[in-house]
N, C-alpha and C. Protein backbone atom coordinates (compact mmCIF):
# COMPACT_ATOMS: atom_id res chain seq x y z
N UNK A 1 -18.00 16.42 -2.94
CA UNK A 1 -18.12 15.59 -4.11
C UNK A 1 -18.58 14.21 -3.68
N UNK A 2 -19.73 13.83 -4.07
CA UNK A 2 -20.29 12.56 -3.65
C UNK A 2 -19.91 11.45 -4.57
N UNK A 3 -20.20 10.26 -4.15
CA UNK A 3 -19.98 9.06 -4.94
C UNK A 3 -20.64 7.91 -4.23
N UNK A 4 -20.74 6.80 -4.90
CA UNK A 4 -21.35 5.66 -4.24
C UNK A 4 -20.30 4.91 -3.46
N UNK A 5 -20.65 4.47 -2.27
CA UNK A 5 -19.70 3.74 -1.45
C UNK A 5 -19.40 2.39 -2.08
N UNK A 6 -18.12 2.09 -2.25
CA UNK A 6 -17.73 0.82 -2.83
C UNK A 6 -17.55 -0.26 -1.80
N UNK A 7 -17.45 0.12 -0.54
CA UNK A 7 -17.31 -0.85 0.52
C UNK A 7 -15.87 -1.27 0.79
N UNK A 8 -14.96 -1.07 -0.18
CA UNK A 8 -13.57 -1.47 0.03
C UNK A 8 -12.89 -0.57 1.05
N UNK A 9 -11.89 -1.14 1.70
CA UNK A 9 -11.02 -0.40 2.59
C UNK A 9 -9.66 -0.32 1.90
N UNK A 10 -9.13 0.89 1.80
CA UNK A 10 -7.84 1.11 1.15
C UNK A 10 -6.79 1.45 2.20
N UNK A 11 -5.57 1.02 1.92
CA UNK A 11 -4.42 1.34 2.78
C UNK A 11 -3.33 1.85 1.84
N UNK A 12 -3.06 3.15 1.91
CA UNK A 12 -2.11 3.80 1.01
C UNK A 12 -0.87 4.18 1.81
N UNK A 13 0.29 3.87 1.26
CA UNK A 13 1.56 4.15 1.94
C UNK A 13 2.47 4.89 0.97
N UNK A 14 2.94 6.06 1.36
CA UNK A 14 3.95 6.80 0.60
C UNK A 14 5.26 6.67 1.37
N UNK A 15 6.35 6.37 0.66
CA UNK A 15 7.63 6.22 1.35
C UNK A 15 8.77 6.86 0.59
N UNK A 16 9.79 7.17 1.35
CA UNK A 16 11.12 7.50 0.81
C UNK A 16 12.03 6.47 1.46
N UNK A 17 12.65 5.65 0.63
CA UNK A 17 13.52 4.60 1.15
C UNK A 17 14.90 5.15 1.49
N UNK A 18 15.57 4.46 2.41
CA UNK A 18 16.97 4.77 2.71
C UNK A 18 17.79 4.46 1.47
N UNK A 19 18.93 5.14 1.35
CA UNK A 19 19.80 5.04 0.17
C UNK A 19 20.17 3.61 -0.21
N UNK A 20 20.45 2.76 0.76
CA UNK A 20 20.95 1.42 0.47
C UNK A 20 19.85 0.37 0.27
N UNK A 21 18.60 0.79 0.22
CA UNK A 21 17.49 -0.14 0.09
C UNK A 21 17.37 -0.67 -1.34
N UNK A 22 17.23 -1.98 -1.46
CA UNK A 22 16.96 -2.61 -2.76
C UNK A 22 15.46 -2.83 -2.83
N UNK A 23 14.78 -1.87 -3.48
CA UNK A 23 13.31 -1.85 -3.50
C UNK A 23 12.74 -3.12 -4.13
N UNK A 24 13.37 -3.62 -5.18
CA UNK A 24 12.86 -4.81 -5.85
C UNK A 24 12.81 -6.02 -4.92
N UNK A 25 13.80 -6.15 -4.03
CA UNK A 25 13.79 -7.25 -3.07
C UNK A 25 12.62 -7.12 -2.11
N UNK A 26 12.39 -5.90 -1.63
CA UNK A 26 11.25 -5.68 -0.74
C UNK A 26 9.93 -5.98 -1.46
N UNK A 27 9.82 -5.57 -2.72
CA UNK A 27 8.58 -5.79 -3.46
C UNK A 27 8.36 -7.26 -3.76
N UNK A 28 9.43 -8.01 -3.96
CA UNK A 28 9.29 -9.47 -4.12
C UNK A 28 8.75 -10.09 -2.85
N UNK A 29 9.28 -9.64 -1.70
CA UNK A 29 8.79 -10.14 -0.41
C UNK A 29 7.33 -9.74 -0.19
N UNK A 30 7.00 -8.50 -0.53
CA UNK A 30 5.62 -8.03 -0.37
C UNK A 30 4.68 -8.80 -1.29
N UNK A 31 5.12 -9.05 -2.52
CA UNK A 31 4.31 -9.82 -3.45
C UNK A 31 4.03 -11.21 -2.93
N UNK A 32 5.02 -11.85 -2.34
CA UNK A 32 4.82 -13.17 -1.73
C UNK A 32 3.84 -13.10 -0.57
N UNK A 33 3.99 -12.07 0.25
CA UNK A 33 3.10 -11.90 1.40
C UNK A 33 1.65 -11.77 0.97
N UNK A 34 1.37 -10.85 0.07
CA UNK A 34 -0.03 -10.61 -0.31
C UNK A 34 -0.60 -11.77 -1.12
N UNK A 35 0.25 -12.49 -1.84
CA UNK A 35 -0.22 -13.66 -2.59
C UNK A 35 -0.64 -14.78 -1.66
N UNK A 36 -0.02 -14.86 -0.51
CA UNK A 36 -0.33 -15.90 0.47
C UNK A 36 -1.59 -15.60 1.28
N UNK A 37 -2.06 -14.35 1.25
CA UNK A 37 -3.18 -13.95 2.10
C UNK A 37 -4.39 -13.55 1.25
N UNK A 38 -5.40 -14.40 1.25
CA UNK A 38 -6.61 -14.12 0.45
C UNK A 38 -7.37 -12.89 0.91
N UNK A 39 -7.11 -12.42 2.11
CA UNK A 39 -7.82 -11.24 2.61
C UNK A 39 -7.39 -9.95 1.91
N UNK A 40 -6.27 -10.00 1.18
CA UNK A 40 -5.84 -8.84 0.39
C UNK A 40 -6.48 -8.97 -0.99
N UNK A 41 -7.40 -8.03 -1.32
CA UNK A 41 -8.06 -8.05 -2.63
C UNK A 41 -7.11 -7.68 -3.75
N UNK A 42 -6.29 -6.65 -3.52
CA UNK A 42 -5.31 -6.24 -4.53
C UNK A 42 -4.16 -5.50 -3.87
N UNK A 43 -3.04 -5.50 -4.59
CA UNK A 43 -1.85 -4.78 -4.16
C UNK A 43 -1.23 -4.15 -5.40
N UNK A 44 -0.98 -2.85 -5.32
CA UNK A 44 -0.34 -2.12 -6.41
C UNK A 44 0.76 -1.26 -5.82
N UNK A 45 1.80 -1.05 -6.61
CA UNK A 45 2.86 -0.15 -6.17
C UNK A 45 3.48 0.52 -7.37
N UNK A 46 4.17 1.62 -7.11
CA UNK A 46 4.84 2.32 -8.19
C UNK A 46 5.84 3.31 -7.65
N UNK A 47 6.67 3.80 -8.56
CA UNK A 47 7.68 4.80 -8.24
C UNK A 47 7.34 6.09 -8.97
N UNK A 48 7.47 7.21 -8.29
CA UNK A 48 7.18 8.50 -8.91
C UNK A 48 8.11 8.70 -10.11
N UNK A 49 7.51 9.17 -11.21
CA UNK A 49 8.29 9.32 -12.43
C UNK A 49 8.31 10.74 -12.97
N UNK A 50 7.73 11.69 -12.26
CA UNK A 50 7.75 13.02 -12.85
C UNK A 50 7.24 14.16 -12.00
N UNK A 51 6.85 13.89 -10.79
CA UNK A 51 6.38 14.99 -9.95
C UNK A 51 7.55 15.89 -9.58
N UNK A 52 7.26 17.17 -9.47
CA UNK A 52 8.29 18.11 -9.02
C UNK A 52 8.61 17.81 -7.56
N UNK A 53 9.89 17.91 -7.22
CA UNK A 53 10.36 17.55 -5.87
C UNK A 53 9.56 18.26 -4.79
N UNK A 54 9.28 19.54 -4.97
CA UNK A 54 8.57 20.27 -3.91
C UNK A 54 7.14 19.74 -3.73
N UNK A 55 6.58 19.13 -4.75
CA UNK A 55 5.23 18.59 -4.64
C UNK A 55 5.21 17.21 -4.00
N UNK A 56 6.23 16.41 -4.26
CA UNK A 56 6.23 15.06 -3.69
C UNK A 56 6.90 15.01 -2.32
N UNK A 57 7.52 16.07 -1.90
CA UNK A 57 8.09 16.23 -0.56
C UNK A 57 9.04 15.10 -0.17
N UNK A 58 9.77 14.59 -1.15
CA UNK A 58 10.77 13.56 -0.87
C UNK A 58 10.27 12.14 -1.01
N UNK A 59 8.97 11.95 -1.05
CA UNK A 59 8.43 10.60 -1.20
C UNK A 59 8.70 10.10 -2.62
N UNK A 60 9.09 8.85 -2.74
CA UNK A 60 9.47 8.30 -4.04
C UNK A 60 8.61 7.13 -4.51
N UNK A 61 7.98 6.43 -3.58
CA UNK A 61 7.21 5.23 -3.92
C UNK A 61 5.84 5.26 -3.23
N UNK A 62 4.89 4.60 -3.89
CA UNK A 62 3.53 4.49 -3.33
C UNK A 62 3.10 3.03 -3.37
N UNK A 63 2.35 2.64 -2.35
CA UNK A 63 1.82 1.28 -2.24
C UNK A 63 0.35 1.40 -1.87
N UNK A 64 -0.49 0.64 -2.55
CA UNK A 64 -1.92 0.66 -2.26
C UNK A 64 -2.40 -0.77 -2.10
N UNK A 65 -2.96 -1.05 -0.94
CA UNK A 65 -3.58 -2.35 -0.68
C UNK A 65 -5.08 -2.14 -0.56
N UNK A 66 -5.84 -3.08 -1.11
CA UNK A 66 -7.29 -3.01 -1.05
C UNK A 66 -7.82 -4.24 -0.31
N UNK A 67 -8.74 -3.97 0.60
CA UNK A 67 -9.37 -5.01 1.40
C UNK A 67 -10.88 -4.92 1.24
N UNK A 68 -11.57 -6.03 1.43
CA UNK A 68 -13.02 -6.05 1.30
C UNK A 68 -13.68 -5.19 2.38
N UNK A 69 -13.07 -5.18 3.56
CA UNK A 69 -13.66 -4.44 4.68
C UNK A 69 -12.60 -4.20 5.75
N UNK A 70 -12.99 -3.50 6.78
CA UNK A 70 -12.08 -3.16 7.87
C UNK A 70 -11.61 -4.40 8.62
N UNK A 71 -12.48 -5.39 8.75
CA UNK A 71 -12.11 -6.63 9.45
C UNK A 71 -10.96 -7.36 8.73
N UNK A 72 -11.00 -7.37 7.39
CA UNK A 72 -9.92 -8.01 6.64
C UNK A 72 -8.61 -7.24 6.81
N UNK A 73 -8.70 -5.91 6.84
CA UNK A 73 -7.49 -5.12 7.08
C UNK A 73 -6.90 -5.42 8.45
N UNK A 74 -7.76 -5.51 9.45
CA UNK A 74 -7.30 -5.81 10.81
C UNK A 74 -6.64 -7.19 10.87
N UNK A 75 -7.25 -8.16 10.20
CA UNK A 75 -6.68 -9.51 10.16
C UNK A 75 -5.31 -9.49 9.48
N UNK A 76 -5.19 -8.73 8.40
CA UNK A 76 -3.91 -8.58 7.68
C UNK A 76 -2.87 -7.93 8.59
N UNK A 77 -3.25 -6.84 9.23
CA UNK A 77 -2.31 -6.10 10.09
C UNK A 77 -1.75 -6.96 11.21
N UNK A 78 -2.57 -7.87 11.73
CA UNK A 78 -2.16 -8.70 12.85
C UNK A 78 -1.58 -10.05 12.44
N UNK A 79 -1.59 -10.35 11.15
CA UNK A 79 -1.09 -11.64 10.67
C UNK A 79 0.42 -11.73 10.93
N UNK A 80 0.90 -12.86 11.44
CA UNK A 80 2.33 -13.00 11.74
C UNK A 80 3.25 -12.71 10.56
N UNK A 81 2.85 -13.09 9.35
CA UNK A 81 3.69 -12.82 8.17
C UNK A 81 3.79 -11.32 7.90
N UNK A 82 2.68 -10.59 8.12
CA UNK A 82 2.72 -9.14 7.93
C UNK A 82 3.56 -8.48 9.01
N UNK A 83 3.41 -8.93 10.23
CA UNK A 83 4.17 -8.36 11.34
C UNK A 83 5.67 -8.54 11.08
N UNK A 84 6.06 -9.71 10.61
CA UNK A 84 7.47 -9.97 10.29
C UNK A 84 7.95 -9.06 9.15
N UNK A 85 7.16 -8.95 8.08
CA UNK A 85 7.54 -8.12 6.95
C UNK A 85 7.61 -6.65 7.36
N UNK A 86 6.70 -6.21 8.19
CA UNK A 86 6.65 -4.80 8.60
C UNK A 86 7.94 -4.36 9.27
N UNK A 87 8.56 -5.24 10.05
CA UNK A 87 9.82 -4.90 10.70
C UNK A 87 10.91 -4.65 9.68
N UNK A 88 10.98 -5.52 8.68
CA UNK A 88 11.97 -5.37 7.60
C UNK A 88 11.69 -4.10 6.79
N UNK A 89 10.42 -3.87 6.48
CA UNK A 89 10.02 -2.71 5.70
C UNK A 89 10.34 -1.42 6.46
N UNK A 90 9.98 -1.37 7.73
CA UNK A 90 10.21 -0.17 8.55
C UNK A 90 11.69 0.16 8.65
N UNK A 91 12.53 -0.85 8.70
CA UNK A 91 13.97 -0.63 8.82
C UNK A 91 14.57 -0.03 7.54
N UNK A 92 13.84 -0.11 6.44
CA UNK A 92 14.37 0.35 5.15
C UNK A 92 13.87 1.73 4.74
N UNK A 93 12.99 2.32 5.54
CA UNK A 93 12.42 3.60 5.13
C UNK A 93 13.00 4.78 5.91
N UNK A 94 13.14 5.86 5.19
CA UNK A 94 13.60 7.11 5.77
C UNK A 94 12.42 7.97 6.20
N UNK A 95 11.34 7.89 5.42
CA UNK A 95 10.18 8.75 5.64
C UNK A 95 8.94 8.00 5.16
N UNK A 96 7.82 8.13 5.90
CA UNK A 96 6.61 7.41 5.53
C UNK A 96 5.37 8.25 5.84
N UNK A 97 4.35 8.06 5.04
CA UNK A 97 3.05 8.68 5.25
C UNK A 97 2.00 7.62 4.96
N UNK A 98 1.09 7.39 5.90
CA UNK A 98 0.06 6.37 5.74
C UNK A 98 -1.32 7.01 5.67
N UNK A 99 -2.15 6.46 4.82
CA UNK A 99 -3.57 6.81 4.78
C UNK A 99 -4.34 5.50 4.78
N UNK A 100 -5.32 5.43 5.61
CA UNK A 100 -6.19 4.25 5.71
C UNK A 100 -7.61 4.77 5.63
N UNK A 101 -8.38 4.30 4.63
CA UNK A 101 -9.68 4.94 4.42
C UNK A 101 -10.67 4.01 3.73
N UNK A 102 -11.96 4.24 4.00
CA UNK A 102 -13.00 3.54 3.23
C UNK A 102 -13.12 4.24 1.88
N UNK A 103 -13.04 3.47 0.81
CA UNK A 103 -13.06 4.04 -0.52
C UNK A 103 -14.46 4.50 -0.90
N UNK A 104 -14.52 5.66 -1.54
CA UNK A 104 -15.77 6.17 -2.12
C UNK A 104 -15.56 6.14 -3.62
N UNK A 105 -16.32 5.31 -4.31
CA UNK A 105 -16.16 5.15 -5.75
C UNK A 105 -16.95 6.22 -6.49
N UNK A 106 -16.27 6.92 -7.37
CA UNK A 106 -16.91 7.92 -8.23
C UNK A 106 -17.06 7.36 -9.63
N UNK A 107 -16.01 6.68 -10.10
CA UNK A 107 -16.07 6.01 -11.40
C UNK A 107 -15.35 4.68 -11.25
N UNK A 108 -16.06 3.61 -11.44
CA UNK A 108 -15.48 2.28 -11.31
C UNK A 108 -14.83 1.86 -12.62
N UNK A 109 -13.75 1.05 -12.54
CA UNK A 109 -13.14 0.56 -13.77
C UNK A 109 -14.12 -0.37 -14.50
N UNK A 110 -14.01 -0.47 -15.83
CA UNK A 110 -14.89 -1.37 -16.56
C UNK A 110 -14.66 -2.81 -16.14
N UNK A 111 -15.69 -3.62 -16.18
CA UNK A 111 -15.57 -5.03 -15.85
C UNK A 111 -14.76 -5.75 -16.90
N UNK A 112 -13.96 -6.69 -16.45
CA UNK A 112 -13.10 -7.44 -17.40
C UNK A 112 -13.89 -8.51 -18.12
């Protein structure tokens, strides 16, 4: 299935948090982090609301970061604020799955 290359780099993270994790606190910290770094084009997150357990394999939350290119993702990954947040984030997860990929746009959202 083809599509036109959008040029964006996406970083998708699926997680299952440990029982005692306060997800809202982590998301507030993540929101502050991405707001401080112009190299992050967008950040979205959500919690699964209806997938059958066997299909979601225990994962409960998804996070998607969008970058203009691979260089911006690399700069983000190595940024001291991200490195600090990553330690806190990693300590709160029970299970994680990462996908990092160049996005292929099939249908773009309408312009605002």
